[in-house]
Amino acid sequence: MIMLLLVVVAIGVLGWYLLGKKQGDGQPPRSKQPGATRNDEETSGAARRAKHLVAYLEQLVKVNIAIRKRGLAADLCQSVETFIDKLRPLLEELNTNFVGNVLTVDVNKVANKYFPRLITEYLDLSPKKQTVEQDALKEALATLEQIVTEAGNALKTQDEAQFAVASKLINAKFTG
């Protein structure tokens, strides 16, 4: 169900991006044409942001597919999907309304780098080693969920100081 939802969202964002894109008429992008307006440049920026958002959402879909394909234990599968469900709307909000903000950059890293790497490394373990490392994965997922919750709280208040604190939390957990 979550996978279908993520695919639909990714397709919707991609469709929005493609509709906003110029139809390959051989002309340079509008922002480079004489007489281009600020609106044209903003549209180009929005399309670029949408493309990045689609990439982050696709990464989450790939993780979801991988855990199902590799037969991750049901409780771990549920934890991963719950995390994805919390991360997706946060990604959309940050990448739409807080472009370039330090928290946006760091949450994007969680979605595109830290979370997929965590899951991939676990899935690459032997079944015996996975059993041994299962508690560590659960703990890491709980930490990620805490980070997303903190980032979501910062987003609700829209307090720049809280954005910075949430960003520091992400960096402390993942960059040592």
N, C-alpha and C. Protein backbone atom coordinates (compact mmCIF):
# COMPACT_ATOMS: atom_id res chain seq x y z
N MET A 1 0.82 -1.19 0.00
CA MET A 1 0.00 0.00 0.00
C MET A 1 0.86 1.25 0.00
N ILE A 2 1.87 1.28 0.91
CA ILE A 2 2.75 2.45 0.99
C ILE A 2 3.54 2.61 -0.30
N MET A 3 3.94 1.48 -0.87
CA MET A 3 4.71 1.54 -2.10
C MET A 3 3.86 2.15 -3.21
N LEU A 4 2.62 1.74 -3.30
CA LEU A 4 1.73 2.28 -4.31
C LEU A 4 1.54 3.79 -4.11
N LEU A 5 1.37 4.20 -2.87
CA LEU A 5 1.21 5.62 -2.57
C LEU A 5 2.45 6.42 -2.97
N LEU A 6 3.62 5.88 -2.64
CA LEU A 6 4.86 6.58 -3.00
C LEU A 6 5.03 6.67 -4.52
N VAL A 7 4.69 5.59 -5.20
CA VAL A 7 4.79 5.60 -6.66
C VAL A 7 3.84 6.64 -7.25
N VAL A 8 2.62 6.69 -6.74
CA VAL A 8 1.63 7.67 -7.24
C VAL A 8 2.13 9.09 -6.99
N VAL A 9 2.66 9.35 -5.80
CA VAL A 9 3.17 10.68 -5.49
C VAL A 9 4.34 11.02 -6.41
N ALA A 10 5.26 10.06 -6.58
CA ALA A 10 6.42 10.31 -7.44
C ALA A 10 5.98 10.59 -8.88
N ILE A 11 5.02 9.83 -9.37
CA ILE A 11 4.52 10.04 -10.73
C ILE A 11 3.84 11.41 -10.84
N GLY A 12 3.07 11.77 -9.81
CA GLY A 12 2.40 13.07 -9.82
C GLY A 12 3.38 14.23 -9.86
N VAL A 13 4.42 14.14 -9.03
CA VAL A 13 5.43 15.21 -8.99
C VAL A 13 6.20 15.24 -10.31
N LEU A 14 6.52 14.06 -10.85
CA LEU A 14 7.21 14.00 -12.13
C LEU A 14 6.34 14.59 -13.24
N GLY A 15 5.04 14.28 -13.22
CA GLY A 15 4.12 14.84 -14.21
C GLY A 15 4.05 16.34 -14.12
N TRP A 16 3.99 16.85 -12.89
CA TRP A 16 3.98 18.30 -12.67
C TRP A 16 5.25 18.92 -13.23
N TYR A 17 6.37 18.26 -13.00
CA TYR A 17 7.65 18.75 -13.51
C TYR A 17 7.66 18.76 -15.04
N LEU A 18 7.22 17.67 -15.63
CA LEU A 18 7.24 17.58 -17.09
C LEU A 18 6.27 18.56 -17.74
N LEU A 19 5.13 18.81 -17.12
CA LEU A 19 4.20 19.78 -17.68
C LEU A 19 4.76 21.19 -17.66
N GLY A 20 5.57 21.48 -16.67
CA GLY A 20 6.17 22.80 -16.56
C GLY A 20 7.37 22.98 -17.48
N LYS A 21 7.86 21.90 -18.03
CA LYS A 21 9.06 21.93 -18.86
C LYS A 21 8.70 22.35 -20.28
N LYS A 22 9.57 23.08 -20.93
CA LYS A 22 9.36 23.52 -22.32
C LYS A 22 9.38 22.29 -23.24
N GLN A 23 8.59 22.30 -24.27
CA GLN A 23 8.40 21.15 -25.14
C GLN A 23 9.48 20.99 -26.21
N GLY A 24 10.74 21.10 -25.91
CA GLY A 24 11.83 20.80 -26.84
C GLY A 24 11.69 21.41 -28.21
N ASP A 25 11.49 22.71 -28.31
CA ASP A 25 11.30 23.34 -29.61
C ASP A 25 12.61 23.89 -30.17
N GLY A 26 13.73 23.48 -29.56
CA GLY A 26 15.02 23.94 -30.06
C GLY A 26 15.41 25.31 -29.54
N GLN A 27 14.56 25.95 -28.78
CA GLN A 27 14.85 27.26 -28.23
C GLN A 27 15.60 27.09 -26.90
N PRO A 28 16.43 28.06 -26.57
CA PRO A 28 17.08 27.99 -25.27
C PRO A 28 16.02 28.11 -24.18
N PRO A 29 16.35 27.68 -22.96
CA PRO A 29 15.38 27.82 -21.88
C PRO A 29 14.89 29.26 -21.78
N ARG A 30 13.64 29.41 -21.35
CA ARG A 30 13.03 30.73 -21.30
C ARG A 30 13.87 31.74 -20.52
N SER A 31 14.49 31.29 -19.44
CA SER A 31 15.23 32.23 -18.62
C SER A 31 16.47 32.76 -19.35
N LYS A 32 16.89 32.10 -20.41
CA LYS A 32 18.05 32.55 -21.19
C LYS A 32 17.65 33.36 -22.42
N GLN A 33 16.36 33.37 -22.73
CA GLN A 33 15.90 34.10 -23.90
C GLN A 33 15.82 35.59 -23.57
N PRO A 34 16.07 36.43 -24.59
CA PRO A 34 15.88 37.86 -24.36
C PRO A 34 14.45 38.12 -23.92
N GLY A 35 14.29 38.98 -22.96
CA GLY A 35 12.96 39.34 -22.49
C GLY A 35 12.37 38.34 -21.50
N ALA A 36 13.18 37.36 -21.06
CA ALA A 36 12.67 36.39 -20.08
C ALA A 36 12.33 37.12 -18.79
N THR A 37 11.29 36.67 -18.18
CA THR A 37 10.85 37.32 -16.94
C THR A 37 11.32 36.54 -15.72
N ARG A 38 11.21 37.19 -14.59
CA ARG A 38 11.55 36.53 -13.32
C ARG A 38 10.66 35.31 -13.11
N ASN A 39 9.42 35.38 -13.57
CA ASN A 39 8.51 34.25 -13.46
C ASN A 39 9.05 33.02 -14.18
N ASP A 40 9.65 33.24 -15.36
CA ASP A 40 10.23 32.14 -16.12
C ASP A 40 11.35 31.48 -15.33
N GLU A 41 12.19 32.30 -14.69
CA GLU A 41 13.29 31.77 -13.90
C GLU A 41 12.77 31.02 -12.68
N GLU A 42 11.72 31.55 -12.05
CA GLU A 42 11.15 30.88 -10.89
C GLU A 42 10.53 29.55 -11.29
N THR A 43 9.89 29.49 -12.45
CA THR A 43 9.31 28.25 -12.95
C THR A 43 10.41 27.23 -13.18
N SER A 44 11.52 27.67 -13.75
CA SER A 44 12.65 26.78 -13.98
C SER A 44 13.19 26.25 -12.65
N GLY A 45 13.28 27.12 -11.64
CA GLY A 45 13.74 26.69 -10.32
C GLY A 45 12.77 25.71 -9.69
N ALA A 46 11.47 25.95 -9.86
CA ALA A 46 10.46 25.04 -9.33
C ALA A 46 10.57 23.67 -9.99
N ALA A 47 10.81 23.67 -11.28
CA ALA A 47 10.96 22.40 -12.00
C ALA A 47 12.19 21.64 -11.50
N ARG A 48 13.26 22.36 -11.26
CA ARG A 48 14.48 21.75 -10.75
C ARG A 48 14.24 21.16 -9.35
N ARG A 49 13.55 21.91 -8.50
CA ARG A 49 13.25 21.42 -7.15
C ARG A 49 12.35 20.19 -7.22
N ALA A 50 11.38 20.21 -8.12
CA ALA A 50 10.47 19.07 -8.28
C ALA A 50 11.25 17.84 -8.72
N LYS A 51 12.21 18.03 -9.59
CA LYS A 51 13.03 16.92 -10.06
C LYS A 51 13.81 16.29 -8.90
N HIS A 52 14.37 17.14 -8.03
CA HIS A 52 15.09 16.63 -6.88
C HIS A 52 14.15 15.91 -5.92
N LEU A 53 12.98 16.48 -5.69
CA LEU A 53 12.01 15.85 -4.80
C LEU A 53 11.62 14.48 -5.34
N VAL A 54 11.39 14.38 -6.63
CA VAL A 54 11.06 13.10 -7.24
C VAL A 54 12.19 12.10 -6.99
N ALA A 55 13.43 12.53 -7.12
CA ALA A 55 14.57 11.64 -6.88
C ALA A 55 14.57 11.13 -5.44
N TYR A 56 14.28 12.00 -4.48
CA TYR A 56 14.24 11.57 -3.07
C TYR A 56 13.10 10.58 -2.84
N LEU A 57 11.95 10.86 -3.43
CA LEU A 57 10.81 9.95 -3.28
C LEU A 57 11.08 8.61 -3.96
N GLU A 58 11.72 8.66 -5.12
CA GLU A 58 12.08 7.42 -5.81
C GLU A 58 13.03 6.58 -4.96
N GLN A 59 13.95 7.24 -4.27
CA GLN A 59 14.89 6.54 -3.39
C GLN A 59 14.13 5.79 -2.30
N LEU A 60 13.11 6.42 -1.74
CA LEU A 60 12.30 5.77 -0.72
C LEU A 60 11.53 4.58 -1.29
N VAL A 61 11.02 4.73 -2.51
CA VAL A 61 10.33 3.63 -3.17
C VAL A 61 11.30 2.47 -3.39
N LYS A 62 12.52 2.76 -3.81
CA LYS A 62 13.52 1.70 -4.03
C LYS A 62 13.81 0.95 -2.75
N VAL A 63 13.92 1.68 -1.64
CA VAL A 63 14.16 1.02 -0.35
C VAL A 63 12.97 0.13 -0.02
N ASN A 64 11.77 0.63 -0.21
CA ASN A 64 10.58 -0.15 0.09
C ASN A 64 10.53 -1.42 -0.75
N ILE A 65 10.84 -1.30 -2.01
CA ILE A 65 10.86 -2.48 -2.89
C ILE A 65 11.93 -3.47 -2.43
N ALA A 66 13.10 -2.96 -2.09
CA ALA A 66 14.20 -3.83 -1.66
C ALA A 66 13.84 -4.63 -0.41
N ILE A 67 13.20 -4.00 0.56
CA ILE A 67 12.88 -4.74 1.79
C ILE A 67 11.84 -5.81 1.52
N ARG A 68 10.94 -5.55 0.59
CA ARG A 68 9.93 -6.55 0.26
C ARG A 68 10.52 -7.68 -0.57
N LYS A 69 11.38 -7.32 -1.50
CA LYS A 69 12.01 -8.31 -2.37
C LYS A 69 12.91 -9.26 -1.58
N ARG A 70 13.61 -8.69 -0.60
CA ARG A 70 14.57 -9.48 0.17
C ARG A 70 13.95 -10.15 1.39
N GLY A 71 12.67 -9.95 1.61
CA GLY A 71 11.97 -10.65 2.67
C GLY A 71 12.35 -10.20 4.07
N LEU A 72 12.43 -8.91 4.27
CA LEU A 72 12.72 -8.37 5.60
C LEU A 72 11.63 -8.83 6.57
N ALA A 73 12.01 -9.11 7.80
CA ALA A 73 11.06 -9.55 8.82
C ALA A 73 9.89 -8.57 8.89
N ALA A 74 8.71 -9.09 9.16
CA ALA A 74 7.48 -8.29 9.13
C ALA A 74 7.55 -7.07 10.06
N ASP A 75 8.09 -7.25 11.27
CA ASP A 75 8.15 -6.11 12.20
C ASP A 75 9.12 -5.05 11.71
N LEU A 76 10.23 -5.48 11.12
CA LEU A 76 11.19 -4.51 10.56
C LEU A 76 10.61 -3.82 9.33
N CYS A 77 9.92 -4.60 8.52
CA CYS A 77 9.27 -4.04 7.33
C CYS A 77 8.28 -2.95 7.75
N GLN A 78 7.51 -3.23 8.79
CA GLN A 78 6.55 -2.26 9.30
C GLN A 78 7.26 -1.00 9.80
N SER A 79 8.38 -1.18 10.51
CA SER A 79 9.15 -0.03 11.02
C SER A 79 9.68 0.83 9.89
N VAL A 80 10.19 0.18 8.84
CA VAL A 80 10.72 0.91 7.69
C VAL A 80 9.60 1.69 7.01
N GLU A 81 8.47 1.04 6.80
CA GLU A 81 7.35 1.70 6.13
C GLU A 81 6.78 2.85 6.97
N THR A 82 6.75 2.68 8.27
CA THR A 82 6.29 3.76 9.15
C THR A 82 7.22 4.95 9.05
N PHE A 83 8.52 4.67 9.01
CA PHE A 83 9.49 5.75 8.87
C PHE A 83 9.30 6.47 7.53
N ILE A 84 9.13 5.72 6.47
CA ILE A 84 8.92 6.32 5.15
C ILE A 84 7.65 7.18 5.16
N ASP A 85 6.60 6.68 5.81
CA ASP A 85 5.35 7.44 5.89
C ASP A 85 5.53 8.77 6.60
N LYS A 86 6.42 8.82 7.58
CA LYS A 86 6.68 10.07 8.30
C LYS A 86 7.63 10.98 7.54
N LEU A 87 8.55 10.40 6.82
CA LEU A 87 9.56 11.17 6.09
C LEU A 87 9.00 11.83 4.83
N ARG A 88 8.13 11.13 4.12
CA ARG A 88 7.63 11.63 2.82
C ARG A 88 6.99 13.01 2.91
N PRO A 89 6.01 13.23 3.80
CA PRO A 89 5.42 14.58 3.83
C PRO A 89 6.40 15.66 4.29
N LEU A 90 7.33 15.28 5.13
CA LEU A 90 8.35 16.22 5.58
C LEU A 90 9.23 16.65 4.41
N LEU A 91 9.63 15.68 3.59
CA LEU A 91 10.41 15.99 2.39
C LEU A 91 9.65 16.94 1.47
N GLU A 92 8.38 16.63 1.26
CA GLU A 92 7.58 17.46 0.35
C GLU A 92 7.47 18.89 0.86
N GLU A 93 7.19 19.05 2.15
CA GLU A 93 7.03 20.39 2.73
C GLU A 93 8.35 21.16 2.70
N LEU A 94 9.42 20.53 3.13
CA LEU A 94 10.71 21.22 3.16
C LEU A 94 11.19 21.60 1.76
N ASN A 95 11.04 20.68 0.81
CA ASN A 95 11.54 20.94 -0.55
C ASN A 95 10.63 21.86 -1.34
N THR A 96 9.45 22.14 -0.83
CA THR A 96 8.54 23.07 -1.48
C THR A 96 8.66 24.46 -0.87
N ASN A 97 8.71 24.52 0.46
CA ASN A 97 8.61 25.81 1.14
C ASN A 97 9.88 26.29 1.84
N PHE A 98 10.88 25.44 1.96
CA PHE A 98 12.10 25.81 2.68
C PHE A 98 13.34 25.41 1.88
N VAL A 99 13.32 25.69 0.62
CA VAL A 99 14.42 25.34 -0.28
C VAL A 99 15.71 26.02 0.18
N GLY A 100 16.78 25.24 0.26
CA GLY A 100 18.08 25.78 0.62
C GLY A 100 18.30 25.89 2.11
N ASN A 101 17.26 25.70 2.91
CA ASN A 101 17.41 25.75 4.36
C ASN A 101 18.29 24.59 4.81
N VAL A 102 19.07 24.81 5.85
CA VAL A 102 19.99 23.78 6.33
C VAL A 102 19.24 22.51 6.73
N LEU A 103 18.07 22.64 7.31
CA LEU A 103 17.28 21.47 7.69
C LEU A 103 16.82 20.72 6.45
N THR A 104 16.42 21.43 5.42
CA THR A 104 16.00 20.79 4.17
C THR A 104 17.15 19.96 3.60
N VAL A 105 18.32 20.54 3.56
CA VAL A 105 19.50 19.85 3.03
C VAL A 105 19.77 18.58 3.83
N ASP A 106 19.70 18.69 5.15
CA ASP A 106 20.01 17.54 5.99
C ASP A 106 18.93 16.46 5.94
N VAL A 107 17.67 16.84 5.88
CA VAL A 107 16.60 15.84 5.75
C VAL A 107 16.71 15.15 4.39
N ASN A 108 17.08 15.90 3.36
CA ASN A 108 17.30 15.29 2.05
C ASN A 108 18.41 14.24 2.12
N LYS A 109 19.45 14.53 2.90
CA LYS A 109 20.54 13.55 3.07
C LYS A 109 20.03 12.29 3.77
N VAL A 110 19.15 12.46 4.74
CA VAL A 110 18.58 11.30 5.42
C VAL A 110 17.84 10.44 4.40
N ALA A 111 17.03 11.06 3.55
CA ALA A 111 16.22 10.33 2.58
C ALA A 111 17.03 9.72 1.46
N ASN A 112 18.07 10.41 1.05
CA ASN A 112 18.81 10.00 -0.15
C ASN A 112 20.09 9.25 0.16
N LYS A 113 20.60 9.38 1.38
CA LYS A 113 21.89 8.80 1.68
C LYS A 113 21.86 7.90 2.93
N TYR A 114 21.58 8.48 4.10
CA TYR A 114 21.73 7.76 5.35
C TYR A 114 20.75 6.59 5.49
N PHE A 115 19.47 6.85 5.26
CA PHE A 115 18.46 5.80 5.40
C PHE A 115 18.66 4.68 4.37
N PRO A 116 18.82 4.99 3.09
CA PRO A 116 19.03 3.90 2.13
C PRO A 116 20.30 3.09 2.43
N ARG A 117 21.36 3.77 2.86
CA ARG A 117 22.61 3.06 3.18
C ARG A 117 22.40 2.11 4.36
N LEU A 118 21.69 2.57 5.38
CA LEU A 118 21.40 1.75 6.55
C LEU A 118 20.67 0.47 6.14
N ILE A 119 19.65 0.61 5.34
CA ILE A 119 18.85 -0.54 4.93
C ILE A 119 19.64 -1.45 3.99
N THR A 120 20.34 -0.87 3.04
CA THR A 120 21.13 -1.66 2.09
C THR A 120 22.20 -2.47 2.82
N GLU A 121 22.90 -1.85 3.74
CA GLU A 121 23.93 -2.56 4.49
C GLU A 121 23.33 -3.72 5.28
N TYR A 122 22.18 -3.51 5.85
CA TYR A 122 21.52 -4.59 6.60
C TYR A 122 21.10 -5.72 5.65
N LEU A 123 20.50 -5.36 4.53
CA LEU A 123 20.03 -6.37 3.59
C LEU A 123 21.19 -7.16 2.97
N ASP A 124 22.37 -6.56 2.92
CA ASP A 124 23.52 -7.25 2.35
C ASP A 124 24.15 -8.26 3.31
N LEU A 125 23.72 -8.25 4.57
CA LEU A 125 24.24 -9.20 5.55
C LEU A 125 23.67 -10.59 5.28
N SER A 126 24.37 -11.59 5.74
CA SER A 126 23.85 -12.96 5.67
C SER A 126 22.64 -13.06 6.59
N PRO A 127 21.76 -14.02 6.36
CA PRO A 127 20.59 -14.17 7.23
C PRO A 127 20.98 -14.33 8.72
N LYS A 128 22.04 -15.05 8.97
CA LYS A 128 22.49 -15.25 10.35
C LYS A 128 22.95 -13.92 10.97
N LYS A 129 23.71 -13.15 10.20
CA LYS A 129 24.20 -11.86 10.68
C LYS A 129 23.04 -10.86 10.84
N GLN A 130 22.04 -10.95 9.95
CA GLN A 130 20.87 -10.09 10.08
C GLN A 130 20.17 -10.33 11.42
N THR A 131 20.07 -11.59 11.82
CA THR A 131 19.45 -11.92 13.10
C THR A 131 20.22 -11.27 14.24
N VAL A 132 21.54 -11.33 14.17
CA VAL A 132 22.39 -10.73 15.20
C VAL A 132 22.23 -9.21 15.22
N GLU A 133 22.11 -8.59 14.05
CA GLU A 133 22.08 -7.13 13.92
C GLU A 133 20.67 -6.54 13.93
N GLN A 134 19.66 -7.38 14.10
CA GLN A 134 18.28 -6.91 14.03
C GLN A 134 17.98 -5.83 15.08
N ASP A 135 18.45 -6.01 16.30
CA ASP A 135 18.20 -5.00 17.34
C ASP A 135 18.90 -3.68 17.01
N ALA A 136 20.09 -3.76 16.44
CA ALA A 136 20.81 -2.54 16.05
C ALA A 136 20.04 -1.79 14.96
N LEU A 137 19.46 -2.53 14.03
CA LEU A 137 18.65 -1.89 12.98
C LEU A 137 17.41 -1.24 13.58
N LYS A 138 16.76 -1.93 14.50
CA LYS A 138 15.58 -1.35 15.15
C LYS A 138 15.95 -0.06 15.89
N GLU A 139 17.08 -0.07 16.55
CA GLU A 139 17.54 1.12 17.26
C GLU A 139 17.84 2.27 16.29
N ALA A 140 18.49 1.94 15.18
CA ALA A 140 18.81 2.96 14.18
C ALA A 140 17.53 3.53 13.57
N LEU A 141 16.55 2.68 13.31
CA LEU A 141 15.28 3.16 12.77
C LEU A 141 14.55 4.05 13.79
N ALA A 142 14.63 3.69 15.06
CA ALA A 142 14.02 4.52 16.10
C ALA A 142 14.70 5.89 16.15
N THR A 143 16.02 5.91 15.99
CA THR A 143 16.76 7.18 15.97
C THR A 143 16.34 8.02 14.77
N LEU A 144 16.22 7.39 13.61
CA LEU A 144 15.78 8.11 12.42
C LEU A 144 14.37 8.66 12.61
N GLU A 145 13.51 7.87 13.22
CA GLU A 145 12.15 8.33 13.46
C GLU A 145 12.14 9.52 14.41
N GLN A 146 13.01 9.49 15.43
CA GLN A 146 13.12 10.61 16.36
C GLN A 146 13.58 11.87 15.62
N ILE A 147 14.53 11.70 14.73
CA ILE A 147 15.05 12.82 13.95
C ILE A 147 13.95 13.43 13.09
N VAL A 148 13.18 12.58 12.43
CA VAL A 148 12.09 13.07 11.58
C VAL A 148 11.02 13.75 12.42
N THR A 149 10.76 13.22 13.60
CA THR A 149 9.79 13.85 14.51
C THR A 149 10.28 15.23 14.92
N GLU A 150 11.56 15.35 15.28
CA GLU A 150 12.13 16.64 15.67
C GLU A 150 12.08 17.64 14.51
N ALA A 151 12.41 17.15 13.32
CA ALA A 151 12.35 18.03 12.14
C ALA A 151 10.91 18.46 11.87
N GLY A 152 9.97 17.54 12.03
CA GLY A 152 8.55 17.88 11.85
C GLY A 152 8.08 18.90 12.86
N ASN A 153 8.54 18.77 14.10
CA ASN A 153 8.19 19.76 15.13
C ASN A 153 8.76 21.13 14.79
N ALA A 154 9.99 21.15 14.30
CA ALA A 154 10.59 22.42 13.90
C ALA A 154 9.80 23.04 12.75
N LEU A 155 9.33 22.20 11.86
CA LEU A 155 8.55 22.68 10.72
C LEU A 155 7.22 23.27 11.18
N LYS A 156 6.59 22.64 12.16
CA LYS A 156 5.31 23.15 12.67
C LYS A 156 5.46 24.54 13.26
N THR A 157 6.53 24.76 13.99
CA THR A 157 6.73 26.06 14.63
C THR A 157 7.37 27.07 13.68
N GLN A 158 8.02 26.55 12.64
CA GLN A 158 8.76 27.37 11.67
C GLN A 158 9.76 28.29 12.37
N ASP A 159 10.36 27.77 13.41
CA ASP A 159 11.34 28.49 14.19
C ASP A 159 12.74 28.14 13.66
N GLU A 160 13.43 29.14 13.13
CA GLU A 160 14.76 28.92 12.55
C GLU A 160 15.73 28.29 13.56
N ALA A 161 15.62 28.67 14.83
CA ALA A 161 16.49 28.10 15.86
C ALA A 161 16.23 26.61 16.00
N GLN A 162 14.96 26.21 15.95
CA GLN A 162 14.62 24.79 16.03
C GLN A 162 15.08 24.06 14.77
N PHE A 163 15.03 24.72 13.62
CA PHE A 163 15.55 24.13 12.38
C PHE A 163 17.02 23.80 12.57
N ALA A 164 17.77 24.74 13.15
CA ALA A 164 19.20 24.55 13.35
C ALA A 164 19.46 23.41 14.33
N VAL A 165 18.66 23.31 15.39
CA VAL A 165 18.83 22.24 16.37
C VAL A 165 18.56 20.88 15.71
N ALA A 166 17.48 20.79 14.94
CA ALA A 166 17.15 19.54 14.26
C ALA A 166 18.24 19.17 13.26
N SER A 167 18.77 20.16 12.57
CA SER A 167 19.86 19.91 11.62
C SER A 167 21.10 19.40 12.33
N LYS A 168 21.42 20.01 13.48
CA LYS A 168 22.58 19.56 14.26
C LYS A 168 22.39 18.13 14.75
N LEU A 169 21.17 17.77 15.13
CA LEU A 169 20.87 16.41 15.56
C LEU A 169 21.15 15.43 14.43
N ILE A 170 20.72 15.76 13.24
CA ILE A 170 20.97 14.89 12.09
C ILE A 170 22.47 14.73 11.88
N ASN A 171 23.18 15.84 11.88
CA ASN A 171 24.62 15.77 11.63
C ASN A 171 25.36 15.02 12.75
N ALA A 172 24.91 15.19 13.98
CA ALA A 172 25.54 14.48 15.09
C ALA A 172 25.37 12.98 14.97
N LYS A 173 24.22 12.55 14.49
CA LYS A 173 23.93 11.12 14.38
C LYS A 173 24.63 10.47 13.19
N PHE A 174 24.88 11.24 12.13
CA PHE A 174 25.34 10.60 10.90
C PHE A 174 26.72 11.02 10.41
N THR A 175 27.28 12.09 10.94
CA THR A 175 28.60 12.48 10.47
C THR A 175 29.64 12.36 11.57
N GLY A 176 29.23 11.84 12.70
CA GLY A 176 30.13 11.52 13.80
C GLY A 176 30.74 12.72 14.38
